[in-house]
Amino acid sequence: MKITTLLMVLTLWLPGAFASNGPAVARVNDEEISALRFERYFAEYLEDQGRALGSIRNPKAYKQLRQKALDALIDRELLWQESQKRGVVISDADVSNQVEQMRTAMGGAEKFARRLEDAGFDEAGFAEYTRRELAAQQMFAELTKVAEPDEQAVRAFFDEHRSEMSQPETVQARHILVKVAQGADAATEEAARLRLVEMQGKIAQGADFASVARTGSEDASASEGGELGYFSRGRMYPAFEAAAFALKSGELSEPVRTPLGWHLIYLQNHLEAVDVSEAQGLEMVRAYLARQRQVQVRQQVLAQLRADNRIQRIDGD
């Protein structure tokens, strides 16, 4: 959790926190989740997703986000309660270590104490929050342990998908095209090249390549800012390909002549060929299958906790 967000939601786990701060939005067994607790968690939820409240213009999308945040907060409460049922104990040393990490991250004891005071909390309250957060995390980790993937399944998956793991050298590029018909006279040829050189100069002086492409390119990709996406060798005209693969990311080519006319190429990204060995491939598959299984188990565990406990959603947003 981000440090700034953590300070904002310090009271989420405190005993009886926000008991008198407006109506409850949900009830988990005998524990109420107050409106204030939920609003503070909703801010954390949006921050973790990289969303800003002001950027959510669609009422339906806003409501869906609130429901997802409430579900996540309920799951958090369920894990804490389950940790207490199962006797999970977080040692004082673990709490102290975690608090010390936070203190260091915030710039030392003085700044840490000032931030807590500004938020209306003391170190004892923060330590209690930390203990409960660690207990919930430990409970979730214990409930979602998964065995290593079966080696036969790993081998079968690897054999089926091996060709997809090795990738040829590819580049991602944009281009500007000034068309010149085959067999055009020298004057027409030079006029087209000079048009491209003029656009090259604008870009060199800071103009956005995509913007120049939209107004100056005669290729079908002009509306997309000259975007060509990723391509490997053998897909483009030889001269175009040679120029593109010779560039480094962020570089602009000199004018390039192909049967279509004159091109200016901007390289966005250059990916080297990837040749995955059998050992590397098998390890990648193990990690992938383990992640897949982990996701399934986490969903199952949370679904079971919801089914085994009394949950009442009161939030009407």
Protein backbone atom coordinates (compact mmCIF):
# COMPACT_ATOMS: atom_id res chain seq x y z
CA MET A 1 0.00 0.00 0.00
CA LYS A 2 1.23 3.51 -0.80
CA ILE A 3 2.48 5.40 2.27
CA THR A 4 0.25 8.43 1.73
CA THR A 5 -2.80 6.26 1.28
CA LEU A 6 -1.87 4.17 4.30
CA LEU A 7 -1.88 7.23 6.53
CA MET A 8 -5.24 8.27 5.17
CA VAL A 9 -6.85 4.93 6.05
CA LEU A 10 -5.06 4.24 9.35
CA THR A 11 -8.29 3.83 11.24
CA LEU A 12 -9.82 1.23 8.94
CA TRP A 13 -9.03 -1.62 11.30
CA LEU A 14 -9.16 0.10 14.68
CA PRO A 15 -11.59 -1.41 17.22
CA GLY A 16 -14.92 0.39 17.02
CA ALA A 17 -13.52 2.93 14.58
CA PHE A 18 -16.06 5.35 13.10
CA ALA A 19 -18.88 3.80 15.11
CA SER A 20 -20.61 7.19 15.27
CA ASN A 21 -19.65 8.51 11.84
CA GLY A 22 -22.88 8.15 9.93
CA PRO A 23 -24.74 5.07 8.72
CA ALA A 24 -23.11 1.79 7.87
CA VAL A 25 -22.61 0.80 4.24
CA ALA A 26 -22.19 -2.89 5.06
CA ARG A 27 -22.17 -5.32 7.93
CA VAL A 28 -19.86 -8.34 8.16
CA ASN A 29 -21.15 -10.64 10.87
CA ASP A 30 -21.40 -8.26 13.84
CA GLU A 31 -18.89 -5.71 12.52
CA GLU A 32 -20.20 -2.63 10.73
CA ILE A 33 -18.32 -0.90 7.94
CA SER A 34 -19.08 2.77 8.37
CA ALA A 35 -19.64 5.24 5.57
CA LEU A 36 -16.48 7.14 6.50
CA ARG A 37 -14.39 3.98 6.58
CA PHE A 38 -15.70 3.08 3.14
CA GLU A 39 -15.11 6.56 1.68
CA ARG A 40 -11.50 6.48 2.83
CA TYR A 41 -11.02 3.01 1.46
CA PHE A 42 -12.63 4.04 -1.84
CA ALA A 43 -9.97 6.76 -2.17
CA GLU A 44 -7.29 4.11 -1.62
CA TYR A 45 -8.97 1.79 -4.12
CA LEU A 46 -8.98 4.47 -6.82
CA GLU A 47 -5.36 5.40 -6.12
CA ASP A 48 -4.23 1.77 -6.39
CA GLN A 49 -5.93 1.59 -9.79
CA GLY A 50 -4.35 4.84 -10.93
CA ARG A 51 -7.77 6.49 -11.20
CA ALA A 52 -8.68 10.03 -10.22
CA LEU A 53 -12.16 10.67 -8.89
CA GLY A 54 -12.59 13.70 -11.14
CA SER A 55 -11.83 11.64 -14.24
CA ILE A 56 -14.84 9.34 -13.74
CA ARG A 57 -17.58 10.99 -15.78
CA ASN A 58 -19.85 8.01 -16.38
CA PRO A 59 -22.31 7.48 -13.48
CA LYS A 60 -22.61 3.78 -14.27
CA ALA A 61 -18.83 3.32 -14.23
CA TYR A 62 -18.65 5.28 -10.95
CA LYS A 63 -21.26 3.05 -9.34
CA GLN A 64 -19.49 -0.10 -10.53
CA LEU A 65 -16.19 1.12 -9.06
CA ARG A 66 -17.85 1.80 -5.72
CA GLN A 67 -19.37 -1.66 -5.66
CA LYS A 68 -16.03 -3.28 -6.46
CA ALA A 69 -14.33 -1.22 -3.75
CA LEU A 70 -16.98 -2.22 -1.22
CA ASP A 71 -16.56 -5.87 -2.18
CA ALA A 72 -12.80 -5.55 -1.68
CA LEU A 73 -13.24 -3.89 1.72
CA ILE A 74 -15.66 -6.63 2.79
CA ASP A 75 -13.10 -9.25 1.73
CA ARG A 76 -10.50 -7.43 3.79
CA GLU A 77 -12.76 -7.52 6.83
CA LEU A 78 -13.51 -11.20 6.26
CA LEU A 79 -9.82 -12.05 6.20
CA TRP A 80 -9.20 -10.17 9.42
CA GLN A 81 -12.09 -11.93 11.15
CA GLU A 82 -10.94 -15.30 9.83
CA SER A 83 -7.44 -14.65 11.15
CA GLN A 84 -8.93 -14.16 14.62
CA LYS A 85 -11.00 -17.34 14.40
CA ARG A 86 -7.88 -19.31 13.50
CA GLY A 87 -5.69 -17.74 16.13
CA VAL A 88 -3.25 -15.97 13.83
CA VAL A 89 -0.77 -14.06 15.99
CA ILE A 90 1.49 -11.31 14.68
CA SER A 91 4.48 -10.81 16.94
CA ASP A 92 5.43 -7.45 18.39
CA ALA A 93 8.76 -7.77 16.54
CA ASP A 94 7.02 -8.10 13.16
CA VAL A 95 4.83 -5.11 13.94
CA SER A 96 7.83 -3.07 15.04
CA ASN A 97 9.77 -3.96 11.92
CA GLN A 98 6.87 -2.93 9.70
CA VAL A 99 6.35 0.32 11.57
CA GLU A 100 10.07 1.07 11.34
CA GLN A 101 9.95 0.59 7.58
CA MET A 102 7.11 3.10 7.40
CA ARG A 103 8.95 5.53 9.65
CA THR A 104 12.04 5.34 7.43
CA ALA A 105 10.00 5.67 4.25
CA MET A 106 8.39 8.85 5.58
CA GLY A 107 11.74 10.48 6.31
CA GLY A 108 12.46 9.68 9.95
CA ALA A 109 10.85 9.71 13.40
CA GLU A 110 9.99 13.41 13.49
CA LYS A 111 8.19 13.48 10.15
CA PHE A 112 6.50 10.17 10.91
CA ALA A 113 5.17 11.46 14.25
CA ARG A 114 4.03 14.71 12.64
CA ARG A 115 2.15 12.86 9.90
CA LEU A 116 0.41 10.66 12.45
CA GLU A 117 -0.51 13.67 14.56
CA ASP A 118 -1.82 15.58 11.54
CA ALA A 119 -4.01 12.58 10.72
CA GLY A 120 -5.26 12.43 14.29
CA PHE A 121 -3.56 9.17 15.26
CA ASP A 122 -0.80 8.05 17.59
CA GLU A 123 1.85 5.34 17.15
CA ALA A 124 -0.14 2.86 19.22
CA GLY A 125 -3.08 3.18 16.85
CA PHE A 126 -0.81 2.81 13.86
CA ALA A 127 0.78 -0.29 15.39
CA GLU A 128 -2.68 -1.83 15.92
CA TYR A 129 -3.62 -1.09 12.31
CA THR A 130 -0.36 -2.66 11.15
CA ARG A 131 -0.94 -5.77 13.26
CA ARG A 132 -4.39 -6.29 11.78
CA GLU A 133 -3.19 -5.66 8.24
CA LEU A 134 -0.37 -8.19 8.64
CA ALA A 135 -2.77 -10.72 10.16
CA ALA A 136 -5.16 -10.42 7.22
CA GLN A 137 -2.29 -10.74 4.74
CA GLN A 138 -0.92 -13.80 6.53
CA MET A 139 -4.36 -15.38 6.62
CA PHE A 140 -4.83 -14.86 2.90
CA ALA A 141 -1.39 -16.32 2.17
CA GLU A 142 -2.11 -19.41 4.26
CA LEU A 143 -5.52 -19.97 2.69
CA THR A 144 -4.24 -19.61 -0.86
CA LYS A 145 -1.17 -21.81 -0.85
CA VAL A 146 -0.87 -23.83 -4.04
CA ALA A 147 1.24 -26.83 -4.92
CA GLU A 148 3.87 -26.69 -7.65
CA PRO A 149 2.40 -27.41 -11.11
CA ASP A 150 2.47 -31.04 -12.21
CA GLU A 151 5.52 -31.62 -14.40
CA GLN A 152 3.52 -33.55 -16.98
CA ALA A 153 1.18 -30.57 -17.33
CA VAL A 154 4.16 -28.24 -17.59
CA ARG A 155 5.75 -30.34 -20.32
CA ALA A 156 2.49 -30.67 -22.26
CA PHE A 157 1.86 -26.93 -22.16
CA PHE A 158 5.44 -26.20 -23.19
CA ASP A 159 5.30 -28.59 -26.14
CA GLU A 160 2.02 -27.07 -27.32
CA HIS A 161 3.15 -23.45 -27.05
CA ARG A 162 6.90 -23.63 -27.62
CA SER A 163 6.76 -21.90 -31.00
CA GLU A 164 4.98 -18.92 -29.40
CA MET A 165 7.77 -18.38 -26.89
CA SER A 166 10.49 -17.56 -29.42
CA GLN A 167 10.08 -14.26 -31.21
CA PRO A 168 12.00 -12.80 -34.18
CA GLU A 169 13.60 -9.38 -34.08
CA THR A 170 10.87 -6.76 -34.50
CA VAL A 171 10.56 -2.99 -34.65
CA GLN A 172 7.68 -0.62 -34.02
CA ALA A 173 7.66 2.36 -36.34
CA ARG A 174 5.75 5.28 -37.76
CA HIS A 175 6.33 6.68 -41.23
CA ILE A 176 5.45 9.54 -43.55
CA LEU A 177 5.06 8.82 -47.26
CA VAL A 178 5.20 11.25 -50.16
CA LYS A 179 4.10 9.24 -53.17
CA VAL A 180 6.07 9.27 -56.42
CA ALA A 181 4.94 7.24 -59.42
CA GLN A 182 7.37 4.76 -60.92
CA GLY A 183 9.21 6.36 -63.83
CA ALA A 184 8.50 9.93 -62.71
CA ASP A 185 10.81 12.61 -64.16
CA ALA A 186 13.69 14.03 -62.13
CA ALA A 187 11.87 17.26 -61.28
CA THR A 188 8.87 15.42 -59.82
CA GLU A 189 11.19 13.10 -57.96
CA GLU A 190 13.13 15.97 -56.41
CA ALA A 191 10.01 17.94 -55.53
CA ALA A 192 8.64 14.96 -53.58
CA ARG A 193 11.92 14.45 -51.78
CA LEU A 194 12.11 18.13 -50.80
CA ARG A 195 8.58 18.00 -49.38
CA LEU A 196 9.74 15.16 -47.17
CA VAL A 197 12.92 17.02 -46.19
CA GLU A 198 10.79 20.00 -45.15
CA MET A 199 8.71 17.77 -42.85
CA GLN A 200 11.92 16.20 -41.55
CA GLY A 201 13.13 19.66 -40.56
CA LYS A 202 9.92 20.43 -38.66
CA ILE A 203 10.24 17.21 -36.70
CA ALA A 204 13.91 17.83 -35.98
CA GLN A 205 12.92 21.22 -34.53
CA GLY A 206 10.44 19.61 -32.12
CA ALA A 207 7.23 19.04 -34.06
CA ASP A 208 5.36 15.86 -33.13
CA PHE A 209 5.98 13.15 -35.73
CA ALA A 210 2.42 11.79 -35.51
CA SER A 211 0.93 15.26 -36.03
CA VAL A 212 3.12 15.93 -39.06
CA ALA A 213 2.20 12.51 -40.45
CA ARG A 214 -1.52 13.20 -40.09
CA THR A 215 -1.29 16.36 -42.18
CA GLY A 216 1.55 15.51 -44.58
CA SER A 217 1.64 11.77 -45.24
CA GLU A 218 -0.04 10.30 -48.31
CA ASP A 219 -0.22 6.80 -46.88
CA ALA A 220 -3.37 5.16 -45.50
CA SER A 221 -1.70 5.21 -42.07
CA ALA A 222 -1.79 9.04 -41.99
CA SER A 223 -4.97 9.12 -39.90
CA GLU A 224 -3.17 7.02 -37.27
CA GLY A 225 -0.16 9.33 -37.19
CA GLY A 226 1.79 7.04 -39.53
CA GLU A 227 1.59 4.12 -37.09
CA LEU A 228 2.73 0.82 -38.62
CA GLY A 229 2.81 -1.25 -35.43
CA TYR A 230 5.39 -3.99 -34.94
CA PHE A 231 6.86 -5.86 -37.90
CA SER A 232 9.65 -8.35 -38.45
CA ARG A 233 12.10 -8.65 -41.34
CA GLY A 234 10.65 -9.64 -44.69
CA ARG A 235 7.45 -7.61 -44.31
CA MET A 236 8.48 -4.30 -45.90
CA TYR A 237 10.31 -3.14 -49.01
CA PRO A 238 14.04 -3.93 -48.63
CA ALA A 239 15.19 -0.30 -48.48
CA PHE A 240 12.49 0.61 -45.94
CA GLU A 241 13.29 -2.46 -43.84
CA ALA A 242 17.03 -1.82 -43.87
CA ALA A 243 16.53 1.77 -42.72
CA ALA A 244 14.03 0.87 -40.01
CA PHE A 245 16.10 -1.93 -38.49
CA ALA A 246 19.23 0.28 -38.51
CA LEU A 247 17.58 2.90 -36.29
CA LYS A 248 17.62 3.04 -32.52
CA SER A 249 14.47 3.72 -30.52
CA GLY A 250 13.57 7.39 -30.79
CA GLU A 251 15.63 8.01 -33.93
CA LEU A 252 14.44 9.53 -37.20
CA SER A 253 15.66 8.25 -40.56
CA GLU A 254 16.91 10.13 -43.55
CA PRO A 255 14.52 10.09 -46.56
CA VAL A 256 14.18 6.55 -47.90
CA ARG A 257 13.12 5.72 -51.48
CA THR A 258 10.92 2.70 -52.22
CA PRO A 259 8.70 1.89 -55.23
CA LEU A 260 5.92 3.82 -53.46
CA GLY A 261 7.82 7.06 -53.08
CA TRP A 262 9.81 8.82 -50.35
CA HIS A 263 9.50 7.77 -46.71
CA LEU A 264 10.53 9.25 -43.40
CA ILE A 265 10.70 6.66 -40.61
CA TYR A 266 10.49 7.19 -36.85
CA LEU A 267 11.44 4.19 -34.73
CA GLN A 268 9.38 3.81 -31.55
CA ASN A 269 10.77 0.53 -30.27
CA HIS A 270 13.27 -2.17 -31.24
CA LEU A 271 12.89 -5.66 -29.81
CA GLU A 272 15.72 -8.12 -30.20
CA ALA A 273 15.01 -11.70 -31.19
CA VAL A 274 14.13 -13.96 -28.29
CA ASP A 275 15.15 -17.59 -28.53
CA VAL A 276 13.88 -19.38 -25.46
CA SER A 277 15.78 -22.50 -24.45
CA GLU A 278 13.93 -25.57 -23.24
CA ALA A 279 14.99 -24.93 -19.65
CA GLN A 280 13.87 -21.31 -19.82
CA GLY A 281 10.62 -22.26 -21.49
CA LEU A 282 9.75 -24.89 -18.89
CA GLU A 283 10.45 -22.42 -16.08
CA MET A 284 8.26 -19.81 -17.76
CA VAL A 285 5.45 -22.35 -18.05
CA ARG A 286 5.80 -23.37 -14.39
CA ALA A 287 5.52 -19.74 -13.31
CA TYR A 288 2.58 -19.11 -15.64
CA LEU A 289 0.62 -22.17 -14.51
CA ALA A 290 1.35 -21.37 -10.86
CA ARG A 291 0.01 -17.83 -11.32
CA GLN A 292 -3.10 -19.15 -13.04
CA ARG A 293 -3.74 -21.60 -10.24
CA GLN A 294 -3.07 -18.91 -7.64
CA VAL A 295 -5.71 -16.66 -9.20
CA GLN A 296 -8.25 -19.50 -9.20
CA VAL A 297 -7.54 -20.41 -5.59
CA ARG A 298 -7.80 -16.81 -4.42
CA GLN A 299 -11.17 -16.44 -6.09
CA GLN A 300 -12.37 -19.70 -4.56
CA VAL A 301 -11.16 -18.79 -1.07
CA LEU A 302 -12.83 -15.40 -1.08
CA ALA A 303 -16.05 -16.88 -2.50
CA GLN A 304 -16.07 -19.48 0.30
CA LEU A 305 -15.47 -16.84 2.98
CA ARG A 306 -18.38 -14.80 1.65
CA ALA A 307 -20.61 -17.87 1.65
CA ASP A 308 -19.63 -18.88 5.21
CA ASN A 309 -20.21 -15.47 6.81
CA ARG A 310 -23.11 -13.06 7.20
CA ILE A 311 -22.72 -10.11 4.86
CA GLN A 312 -25.21 -7.31 4.43
CA ARG A 313 -24.58 -4.55 1.88
CA ILE A 314 -26.34 -1.34 2.81
CA ASP A 315 -24.53 1.08 0.49
CA GLY A 316 -27.05 2.50 -1.96
CA ASP A 317 -24.65 4.35 -4.28
